[in-house]
All heavy atoms as atom14 arrays in JSON, in Angstrom:
{
  "sequence": "SDIAVAARFREFGSRAADRLKDAGIPVVLLKDGPDPSAEGVRI",
  "atom14_mask": [
    [1, 1, 1, 1, 1, 1, 0, 0, 0, 0, 0, 0, 0, 0],
    [1, 1, 1, 1, 1, 1, 1, 1, 0, 0, 0, 0, 0, 0],
    [1, 1, 1, 1, 1, 1, 1, 1, 0, 0, 0, 0, 0, 0],
    [1, 1, 1, 1, 1, 0, 0, 0, 0, 0, 0, 0, 0, 0],
    [1, 1, 1, 1, 1, 1, 1, 0, 0, 0, 0, 0, 0, 0],
    [1, 1, 1, 1, 1, 0, 0, 0, 0, 0, 0, 0, 0, 0],
    [1, 1, 1, 1, 1, 0, 0, 0, 0, 0, 0, 0, 0, 0],
    [1, 1, 1, 1, 1, 1, 1, 1, 1, 1, 1, 0, 0, 0],
    [1, 1, 1, 1, 1, 1, 1, 1, 1, 1, 1, 0, 0, 0],
    [1, 1, 1, 1, 1, 1, 1, 1, 1, 1, 1, 0, 0, 0],
    [1, 1, 1, 1, 1, 1, 1, 1, 1, 0, 0, 0, 0, 0],
    [1, 1, 1, 1, 1, 1, 1, 1, 1, 1, 1, 0, 0, 0],
    [1, 1, 1, 1, 0, 0, 0, 0, 0, 0, 0, 0, 0, 0],
    [1, 1, 1, 1, 1, 1, 0, 0, 0, 0, 0, 0, 0, 0],
    [1, 1, 1, 1, 1, 1, 1, 1, 1, 1, 1, 0, 0, 0],
    [1, 1, 1, 1, 1, 0, 0, 0, 0, 0, 0, 0, 0, 0],
    [1, 1, 1, 1, 1, 0, 0, 0, 0, 0, 0, 0, 0, 0],
    [1, 1, 1, 1, 1, 1, 1, 1, 0, 0, 0, 0, 0, 0],
    [1, 1, 1, 1, 1, 1, 1, 1, 1, 1, 1, 0, 0, 0],
    [1, 1, 1, 1, 1, 1, 1, 1, 0, 0, 0, 0, 0, 0],
    [1, 1, 1, 1, 1, 1, 1, 1, 1, 0, 0, 0, 0, 0],
    [1, 1, 1, 1, 1, 1, 1, 1, 0, 0, 0, 0, 0, 0],
    [1, 1, 1, 1, 1, 0, 0, 0, 0, 0, 0, 0, 0, 0],
    [1, 1, 1, 1, 0, 0, 0, 0, 0, 0, 0, 0, 0, 0],
    [1, 1, 1, 1, 1, 1, 1, 1, 0, 0, 0, 0, 0, 0],
    [1, 1, 1, 1, 1, 1, 1, 0, 0, 0, 0, 0, 0, 0],
    [1, 1, 1, 1, 1, 1, 1, 0, 0, 0, 0, 0, 0, 0],
    [1, 1, 1, 1, 1, 1, 1, 0, 0, 0, 0, 0, 0, 0],
    [1, 1, 1, 1, 1, 1, 1, 1, 0, 0, 0, 0, 0, 0],
    [1, 1, 1, 1, 1, 1, 1, 1, 0, 0, 0, 0, 0, 0],
    [1, 1, 1, 1, 1, 1, 1, 1, 1, 0, 0, 0, 0, 0],
    [1, 1, 1, 1, 1, 1, 1, 1, 0, 0, 0, 0, 0, 0],
    [1, 1, 1, 1, 0, 0, 0, 0, 0, 0, 0, 0, 0, 0],
    [1, 1, 1, 1, 1, 1, 1, 0, 0, 0, 0, 0, 0, 0],
    [1, 1, 1, 1, 1, 1, 1, 1, 0, 0, 0, 0, 0, 0],
    [1, 1, 1, 1, 1, 1, 1, 0, 0, 0, 0, 0, 0, 0],
    [1, 1, 1, 1, 1, 1, 0, 0, 0, 0, 0, 0, 0, 0],
    [1, 1, 1, 1, 1, 0, 0, 0, 0, 0, 0, 0, 0, 0],
    [1, 1, 1, 1, 1, 1, 1, 1, 1, 0, 0, 0, 0, 0],
    [1, 1, 1, 1, 0, 0, 0, 0, 0, 0, 0, 0, 0, 0],
    [1, 1, 1, 1, 1, 1, 1, 0, 0, 0, 0, 0, 0, 0],
    [1, 1, 1, 1, 1, 1, 1, 1, 1, 1, 1, 0, 0, 0],
    [1, 1, 1, 1, 1, 1, 1, 1, 0, 0, 0, 0, 0, 0]
  ],
  "atom14_positions": [
    [[96.91, 59.96, 82.9], [98.29, 59.64, 82.78], [98.59, 58.99, 81.38], [99.87, 58.82, 80.96], [98.81, 58.72, 83.81], [98.02, 57.57, 83.76], [0.0, 0.0, 0.0], [0.0, 0.0, 0.0], [0.0, 0.0, 0.0], [0.0, 0.0, 0.0], [0.0, 0.0, 0.0], [0.0, 0.0, 0.0], [0.0, 0.0, 0.0], [0.0, 0.0, 0.0]],
    [[97.63, 58.54, 80.55], [97.74, 58.1, 79.27], [97.54, 59.07, 78.13], [97.33, 58.73, 77.0], [96.86, 56.87, 79.02], [97.49, 55.56, 78.9], [98.7, 55.68, 78.59], [96.9, 54.61, 79.04], [0.0, 0.0, 0.0], [0.0, 0.0, 0.0], [0.0, 0.0, 0.0], [0.0, 0.0, 0.0], [0.0, 0.0, 0.0], [0.0, 0.0, 0.0]],
    [[97.46, 60.39, 78.65], [97.44, 61.61, 77.75], [98.59, 62.35, 77.83], [99.0, 62.74, 78.98], [96.15, 62.39, 77.94], [94.88, 61.46, 77.84], [96.05, 63.56, 77.02], [93.56, 62.2, 78.32], [0.0, 0.0, 0.0], [0.0, 0.0, 0.0], [0.0, 0.0, 0.0], [0.0, 0.0, 0.0], [0.0, 0.0, 0.0], [0.0, 0.0, 0.0]],
    [[99.19, 62.85, 76.62], [100.39, 63.75, 76.71], [100.11, 64.89, 75.84], [99.51, 64.8, 74.72], [101.65, 62.91, 76.33], [0.0, 0.0, 0.0], [0.0, 0.0, 0.0], [0.0, 0.0, 0.0], [0.0, 0.0, 0.0], [0.0, 0.0, 0.0], [0.0, 0.0, 0.0], [0.0, 0.0, 0.0], [0.0, 0.0, 0.0], [0.0, 0.0, 0.0]],
    [[100.58, 66.12, 76.27], [100.68, 67.29, 75.45], [102.14, 67.64, 75.19], [102.83, 67.93, 76.19], [99.92, 68.38, 76.21], [99.94, 69.64, 75.32], [98.51, 68.05, 76.42], [0.0, 0.0, 0.0], [0.0, 0.0, 0.0], [0.0, 0.0, 0.0], [0.0, 0.0, 0.0], [0.0, 0.0, 0.0], [0.0, 0.0, 0.0], [0.0, 0.0, 0.0]],
    [[102.46, 67.81, 73.92], [103.8, 68.15, 73.68], [103.9, 69.43, 73.02], [103.18, 69.7, 72.05], [104.46, 66.96, 72.82], [0.0, 0.0, 0.0], [0.0, 0.0, 0.0], [0.0, 0.0, 0.0], [0.0, 0.0, 0.0], [0.0, 0.0, 0.0], [0.0, 0.0, 0.0], [0.0, 0.0, 0.0], [0.0, 0.0, 0.0], [0.0, 0.0, 0.0]],
    [[104.82, 70.34, 73.33], [105.09, 71.61, 72.59], [106.53, 71.76, 72.34], [107.35, 71.26, 73.14], [104.6, 72.59, 73.56], [0.0, 0.0, 0.0], [0.0, 0.0, 0.0], [0.0, 0.0, 0.0], [0.0, 0.0, 0.0], [0.0, 0.0, 0.0], [0.0, 0.0, 0.0], [0.0, 0.0, 0.0], [0.0, 0.0, 0.0], [0.0, 0.0, 0.0]],
    [[106.92, 72.57, 71.39], [108.28, 72.84, 71.04], [108.91, 73.61, 72.24], [110.08, 73.32, 72.49], [108.44, 73.6, 69.75], [109.77, 74.08, 69.38], [110.71, 72.78, 69.18], [112.09, 72.96, 69.0], [112.71, 73.17, 67.8], [111.98, 73.07, 66.73], [113.91, 73.31, 67.79], [0.0, 0.0, 0.0], [0.0, 0.0, 0.0], [0.0, 0.0, 0.0]],
    [[108.14, 74.65, 72.79], [108.87, 75.53, 73.75], [108.2, 75.22, 75.12], [107.03, 75.0, 75.27], [108.51, 76.96, 73.38], [109.02, 77.4, 72.01], [107.97, 77.85, 71.09], [110.32, 77.37, 71.62], [108.43, 78.17, 69.86], [110.74, 77.66, 70.5], [109.96, 78.12, 69.45], [0.0, 0.0, 0.0], [0.0, 0.0, 0.0], [0.0, 0.0, 0.0]],
    [[109.07, 75.13, 76.08], [108.55, 74.84, 77.5], [107.56, 75.86, 77.96], [106.66, 75.55, 78.7], [109.77, 74.77, 78.49], [109.44, 74.44, 79.84], [110.77, 74.19, 80.71], [111.38, 73.02, 80.29], [112.48, 72.48, 80.84], [113.14, 73.05, 81.61], [112.94, 71.33, 80.26], [0.0, 0.0, 0.0], [0.0, 0.0, 0.0], [0.0, 0.0, 0.0]],
    [[107.82, 77.09, 77.52], [106.84, 78.18, 77.85], [105.44, 77.92, 77.45], [104.55, 78.08, 78.09], [107.34, 79.51, 77.46], [106.44, 80.74, 77.71], [106.91, 82.06, 76.98], [107.82, 81.94, 76.11], [106.25, 83.02, 77.33], [0.0, 0.0, 0.0], [0.0, 0.0, 0.0], [0.0, 0.0, 0.0], [0.0, 0.0, 0.0], [0.0, 0.0, 0.0]],
    [[105.28, 77.45, 76.22], [103.97, 77.18, 75.69], [103.42, 76.03, 76.43], [102.15, 75.92, 76.68], [104.1, 76.98, 74.23], [102.61, 76.97, 73.65], [101.63, 77.94, 73.96], [102.39, 76.22, 72.52], [100.34, 77.86, 73.42], [101.18, 76.14, 71.74], [100.14, 76.95, 72.3], [0.0, 0.0, 0.0], [0.0, 0.0, 0.0], [0.0, 0.0, 0.0]],
    [[104.09, 75.07, 76.69], [103.76, 73.85, 77.4], [103.31, 74.3, 78.93], [102.18, 73.77, 79.32], [0.0, 0.0, 0.0], [0.0, 0.0, 0.0], [0.0, 0.0, 0.0], [0.0, 0.0, 0.0], [0.0, 0.0, 0.0], [0.0, 0.0, 0.0], [0.0, 0.0, 0.0], [0.0, 0.0, 0.0], [0.0, 0.0, 0.0], [0.0, 0.0, 0.0]],
    [[103.86, 75.24, 79.48], [103.42, 75.73, 80.8], [102.11, 76.42, 80.75], [101.19, 76.21, 81.62], [104.51, 76.68, 81.47], [105.77, 75.99, 81.58], [0.0, 0.0, 0.0], [0.0, 0.0, 0.0], [0.0, 0.0, 0.0], [0.0, 0.0, 0.0], [0.0, 0.0, 0.0], [0.0, 0.0, 0.0], [0.0, 0.0, 0.0], [0.0, 0.0, 0.0]],
    [[101.89, 77.18, 79.7], [100.68, 77.9, 79.48], [99.49, 76.85, 79.29], [98.39, 76.96, 79.7], [100.8, 78.77, 78.25], [101.68, 80.05, 78.41], [101.65, 80.87, 77.15], [102.64, 81.9, 77.39], [102.99, 82.83, 76.41], [102.38, 82.77, 75.19], [103.91, 83.84, 76.68], [0.0, 0.0, 0.0], [0.0, 0.0, 0.0], [0.0, 0.0, 0.0]],
    [[99.82, 75.68, 78.48], [98.93, 74.66, 78.27], [98.55, 74.06, 79.55], [97.28, 73.78, 79.92], [99.48, 73.7, 77.32], [0.0, 0.0, 0.0], [0.0, 0.0, 0.0], [0.0, 0.0, 0.0], [0.0, 0.0, 0.0], [0.0, 0.0, 0.0], [0.0, 0.0, 0.0], [0.0, 0.0, 0.0], [0.0, 0.0, 0.0], [0.0, 0.0, 0.0]],
    [[99.51, 73.83, 80.38], [99.34, 73.18, 81.75], [98.38, 74.08, 82.63], [97.5, 73.63, 83.31], [100.56, 72.96, 82.44], [0.0, 0.0, 0.0], [0.0, 0.0, 0.0], [0.0, 0.0, 0.0], [0.0, 0.0, 0.0], [0.0, 0.0, 0.0], [0.0, 0.0, 0.0], [0.0, 0.0, 0.0], [0.0, 0.0, 0.0], [0.0, 0.0, 0.0]],
    [[98.7, 75.46, 82.56], [97.84, 76.36, 83.32], [96.39, 76.33, 82.92], [95.44, 76.29, 83.67], [98.48, 77.68, 83.27], [99.78, 77.84, 84.13], [100.08, 76.96, 84.92], [100.47, 78.78, 83.8], [0.0, 0.0, 0.0], [0.0, 0.0, 0.0], [0.0, 0.0, 0.0], [0.0, 0.0, 0.0], [0.0, 0.0, 0.0], [0.0, 0.0, 0.0]],
    [[96.21, 76.34, 81.58], [94.92, 76.33, 81.09], [94.06, 74.97, 81.46], [93.01, 75.02, 81.64], [95.01, 76.53, 79.51], [93.68, 76.62, 78.91], [93.05, 77.93, 79.14], [91.6, 78.13, 78.46], [90.72, 77.59, 79.04], [90.6, 76.8, 80.24], [89.4, 77.61, 78.35], [0.0, 0.0, 0.0], [0.0, 0.0, 0.0], [0.0, 0.0, 0.0]],
    [[94.74, 73.84, 81.3], [94.15, 72.61, 81.72], [93.82, 72.58, 83.14], [92.62, 72.09, 83.55], [95.04, 71.47, 81.32], [95.15, 71.16, 79.85], [96.45, 70.29, 79.65], [94.0, 70.59, 79.13], [0.0, 0.0, 0.0], [0.0, 0.0, 0.0], [0.0, 0.0, 0.0], [0.0, 0.0, 0.0], [0.0, 0.0, 0.0], [0.0, 0.0, 0.0]],
    [[94.63, 73.1, 84.01], [94.41, 73.14, 85.45], [93.16, 73.96, 85.76], [92.38, 73.77, 86.55], [95.59, 73.68, 86.18], [96.72, 72.59, 86.26], [97.83, 72.95, 87.23], [98.69, 73.96, 86.73], [100.01, 74.14, 87.5], [0.0, 0.0, 0.0], [0.0, 0.0, 0.0], [0.0, 0.0, 0.0], [0.0, 0.0, 0.0], [0.0, 0.0, 0.0]],
    [[93.19, 75.26, 84.97], [92.0, 76.07, 85.18], [90.76, 75.45, 84.86], [89.6, 75.82, 85.35], [92.23, 77.33, 84.3], [93.28, 78.3, 84.87], [93.61, 78.09, 86.09], [93.76, 79.16, 84.19], [0.0, 0.0, 0.0], [0.0, 0.0, 0.0], [0.0, 0.0, 0.0], [0.0, 0.0, 0.0], [0.0, 0.0, 0.0], [0.0, 0.0, 0.0]],
    [[90.73, 74.53, 83.95], [89.57, 73.77, 83.4], [89.38, 72.55, 84.46], [88.3, 71.75, 84.14], [89.73, 73.3, 82.09], [0.0, 0.0, 0.0], [0.0, 0.0, 0.0], [0.0, 0.0, 0.0], [0.0, 0.0, 0.0], [0.0, 0.0, 0.0], [0.0, 0.0, 0.0], [0.0, 0.0, 0.0], [0.0, 0.0, 0.0], [0.0, 0.0, 0.0]],
    [[89.97, 72.36, 85.48], [89.86, 71.33, 86.47], [90.44, 70.05, 85.98], [90.16, 69.02, 86.51], [0.0, 0.0, 0.0], [0.0, 0.0, 0.0], [0.0, 0.0, 0.0], [0.0, 0.0, 0.0], [0.0, 0.0, 0.0], [0.0, 0.0, 0.0], [0.0, 0.0, 0.0], [0.0, 0.0, 0.0], [0.0, 0.0, 0.0], [0.0, 0.0, 0.0]],
    [[91.35, 69.95, 84.99], [92.11, 68.69, 84.54], [93.49, 68.74, 85.22], [94.23, 69.61, 85.16], [92.08, 68.77, 83.0], [90.73, 68.91, 82.38], [92.97, 67.64, 82.48], [90.87, 69.17, 80.8], [0.0, 0.0, 0.0], [0.0, 0.0, 0.0], [0.0, 0.0, 0.0], [0.0, 0.0, 0.0], [0.0, 0.0, 0.0], [0.0, 0.0, 0.0]],
    [[93.77, 67.61, 85.84], [95.02, 67.48, 86.6], [96.12, 67.35, 85.51], [95.94, 66.64, 84.51], [94.86, 66.14, 87.37], [93.81, 65.33, 86.57], [92.88, 66.42, 86.08], [0.0, 0.0, 0.0], [0.0, 0.0, 0.0], [0.0, 0.0, 0.0], [0.0, 0.0, 0.0], [0.0, 0.0, 0.0], [0.0, 0.0, 0.0], [0.0, 0.0, 0.0]],
    [[97.25, 67.9, 85.77], [98.46, 67.82, 84.95], [99.7, 67.56, 85.69], [99.82, 67.82, 86.86], [98.76, 69.19, 84.16], [97.39, 69.54, 83.35], [98.97, 70.35, 85.11], [0.0, 0.0, 0.0], [0.0, 0.0, 0.0], [0.0, 0.0, 0.0], [0.0, 0.0, 0.0], [0.0, 0.0, 0.0], [0.0, 0.0, 0.0], [0.0, 0.0, 0.0]],
    [[100.66, 67.05, 85.09], [101.96, 66.59, 85.62], [103.06, 67.05, 84.65], [102.94, 66.7, 83.47], [102.07, 65.04, 85.92], [103.5, 64.68, 86.25], [101.1, 64.69, 86.96], [0.0, 0.0, 0.0], [0.0, 0.0, 0.0], [0.0, 0.0, 0.0], [0.0, 0.0, 0.0], [0.0, 0.0, 0.0], [0.0, 0.0, 0.0], [0.0, 0.0, 0.0]],
    [[104.08, 67.87, 85.05], [105.04, 68.18, 84.19], [106.15, 67.07, 84.13], [106.69, 66.74, 85.17], [105.72, 69.61, 84.56], [104.77, 70.74, 84.75], [105.59, 71.92, 85.26], [104.04, 70.99, 83.49], [0.0, 0.0, 0.0], [0.0, 0.0, 0.0], [0.0, 0.0, 0.0], [0.0, 0.0, 0.0], [0.0, 0.0, 0.0], [0.0, 0.0, 0.0]],
    [[106.5, 66.58, 82.97], [107.51, 65.56, 82.87], [108.78, 65.93, 83.45], [109.61, 65.09, 83.92], [107.59, 64.97, 81.38], [106.53, 64.02, 80.99], [106.85, 63.55, 79.61], [106.45, 62.88, 81.8], [0.0, 0.0, 0.0], [0.0, 0.0, 0.0], [0.0, 0.0, 0.0], [0.0, 0.0, 0.0], [0.0, 0.0, 0.0], [0.0, 0.0, 0.0]],
    [[109.15, 67.19, 83.23], [110.48, 67.69, 83.71], [110.67, 67.51, 85.08], [111.78, 67.44, 85.63], [110.7, 69.13, 83.28], [109.85, 70.09, 84.05], [110.13, 71.55, 83.65], [109.29, 72.68, 84.42], [109.62, 72.59, 85.82], [0.0, 0.0, 0.0], [0.0, 0.0, 0.0], [0.0, 0.0, 0.0], [0.0, 0.0, 0.0], [0.0, 0.0, 0.0]],
    [[109.56, 67.4, 85.93], [109.58, 67.28, 87.38], [109.92, 65.66, 87.71], [109.96, 65.4, 89.04], [108.4, 67.73, 88.03], [108.18, 69.1, 87.83], [109.19, 69.85, 87.68], [107.17, 69.57, 87.97], [0.0, 0.0, 0.0], [0.0, 0.0, 0.0], [0.0, 0.0, 0.0], [0.0, 0.0, 0.0], [0.0, 0.0, 0.0], [0.0, 0.0, 0.0]],
    [[110.0, 64.79, 86.66], [110.33, 63.46, 87.01], [109.22, 62.82, 87.82], [109.51, 62.15, 88.87], [0.0, 0.0, 0.0], [0.0, 0.0, 0.0], [0.0, 0.0, 0.0], [0.0, 0.0, 0.0], [0.0, 0.0, 0.0], [0.0, 0.0, 0.0], [0.0, 0.0, 0.0], [0.0, 0.0, 0.0], [0.0, 0.0, 0.0], [0.0, 0.0, 0.0]],
    [[107.84, 62.89, 87.44], [106.83, 62.33, 88.19], [106.94, 60.85, 88.37], [107.41, 60.1, 87.55], [105.57, 62.75, 87.59], [106.04, 62.93, 86.06], [107.46, 63.28, 86.19], [0.0, 0.0, 0.0], [0.0, 0.0, 0.0], [0.0, 0.0, 0.0], [0.0, 0.0, 0.0], [0.0, 0.0, 0.0], [0.0, 0.0, 0.0], [0.0, 0.0, 0.0]],
    [[106.28, 60.29, 89.48], [106.15, 58.87, 89.58], [105.21, 58.38, 88.51], [104.19, 59.06, 88.22], [105.61, 58.54, 91.01], [105.56, 57.05, 91.18], [104.41, 56.39, 90.89], [106.46, 56.53, 91.88], [0.0, 0.0, 0.0], [0.0, 0.0, 0.0], [0.0, 0.0, 0.0], [0.0, 0.0, 0.0], [0.0, 0.0, 0.0], [0.0, 0.0, 0.0]],
    [[105.37, 57.19, 87.86], [104.48, 56.65, 86.86], [103.09, 56.75, 87.39], [102.09, 56.83, 86.5], [105.09, 55.26, 86.59], [106.54, 55.42, 86.99], [106.55, 56.32, 88.09], [0.0, 0.0, 0.0], [0.0, 0.0, 0.0], [0.0, 0.0, 0.0], [0.0, 0.0, 0.0], [0.0, 0.0, 0.0], [0.0, 0.0, 0.0], [0.0, 0.0, 0.0]],
    [[102.87, 56.35, 88.68], [101.57, 56.32, 89.11], [100.79, 57.75, 89.32], [99.6, 57.79, 89.76], [101.44, 55.45, 90.37], [102.07, 56.17, 91.44], [0.0, 0.0, 0.0], [0.0, 0.0, 0.0], [0.0, 0.0, 0.0], [0.0, 0.0, 0.0], [0.0, 0.0, 0.0], [0.0, 0.0, 0.0], [0.0, 0.0, 0.0], [0.0, 0.0, 0.0]],
    [[101.51, 58.88, 89.2], [100.9, 60.2, 89.52], [99.87, 60.36, 88.52], [100.03, 60.26, 87.32], [101.97, 61.17, 89.43], [0.0, 0.0, 0.0], [0.0, 0.0, 0.0], [0.0, 0.0, 0.0], [0.0, 0.0, 0.0], [0.0, 0.0, 0.0], [0.0, 0.0, 0.0], [0.0, 0.0, 0.0], [0.0, 0.0, 0.0], [0.0, 0.0, 0.0]],
    [[98.65, 60.91, 88.99], [97.54, 61.06, 88.22], [97.79, 62.53, 87.57], [98.02, 63.52, 88.18], [96.28, 61.13, 89.05], [95.0, 61.35, 88.09], [93.82, 61.32, 88.83], [93.78, 61.17, 90.1], [92.69, 61.38, 88.2], [0.0, 0.0, 0.0], [0.0, 0.0, 0.0], [0.0, 0.0, 0.0], [0.0, 0.0, 0.0], [0.0, 0.0, 0.0]],
    [[97.56, 62.54, 86.21], [97.55, 63.86, 85.54], [97.97, 63.68, 84.11], [98.76, 62.84, 83.71], [0.0, 0.0, 0.0], [0.0, 0.0, 0.0], [0.0, 0.0, 0.0], [0.0, 0.0, 0.0], [0.0, 0.0, 0.0], [0.0, 0.0, 0.0], [0.0, 0.0, 0.0], [0.0, 0.0, 0.0], [0.0, 0.0, 0.0], [0.0, 0.0, 0.0]],
    [[97.47, 64.59, 83.24], [97.94, 64.7, 81.87], [99.41, 65.03, 81.86], [99.79, 66.07, 82.44], [97.0, 65.63, 81.04], [97.54, 65.9, 79.75], [95.52, 65.27, 81.05], [0.0, 0.0, 0.0], [0.0, 0.0, 0.0], [0.0, 0.0, 0.0], [0.0, 0.0, 0.0], [0.0, 0.0, 0.0], [0.0, 0.0, 0.0], [0.0, 0.0, 0.0]],
    [[100.17, 64.36, 80.97], [101.64, 64.75, 80.96], [101.9, 65.86, 80.04], [101.47, 65.82, 78.93], [102.42, 63.4, 80.58], [102.91, 62.46, 81.55], [101.76, 62.14, 82.6], [102.42, 61.15, 83.65], [101.84, 60.92, 84.76], [100.63, 61.36, 85.04], [102.31, 60.01, 85.61], [0.0, 0.0, 0.0], [0.0, 0.0, 0.0], [0.0, 0.0, 0.0]],
    [[102.67, 66.9, 80.52], [103.12, 67.86, 79.74], [104.56, 67.93, 79.58], [105.39, 67.8, 80.54], [102.73, 69.25, 80.36], [101.26, 69.31, 80.77], [102.95, 70.47, 79.58], [100.25, 69.23, 79.7], [0.0, 0.0, 0.0], [0.0, 0.0, 0.0], [0.0, 0.0, 0.0], [0.0, 0.0, 0.0], [0.0, 0.0, 0.0], [0.0, 0.0, 0.0]]
  ]
}
C-alpha cells in the first residue's frame, strides 16, 4: 500500500495492474475508492 503506479491513461494503468496480478503482486485501483488498510499496490 506504500507503492503507487501512475499512468497518463487509465487503460495503460489497467494493463499494469493485470501484469502485476499475473506476477502474484496484489493491486488496488484508486478509482474504486479503497479502504486505506486494503493491501495492494495502488494503481
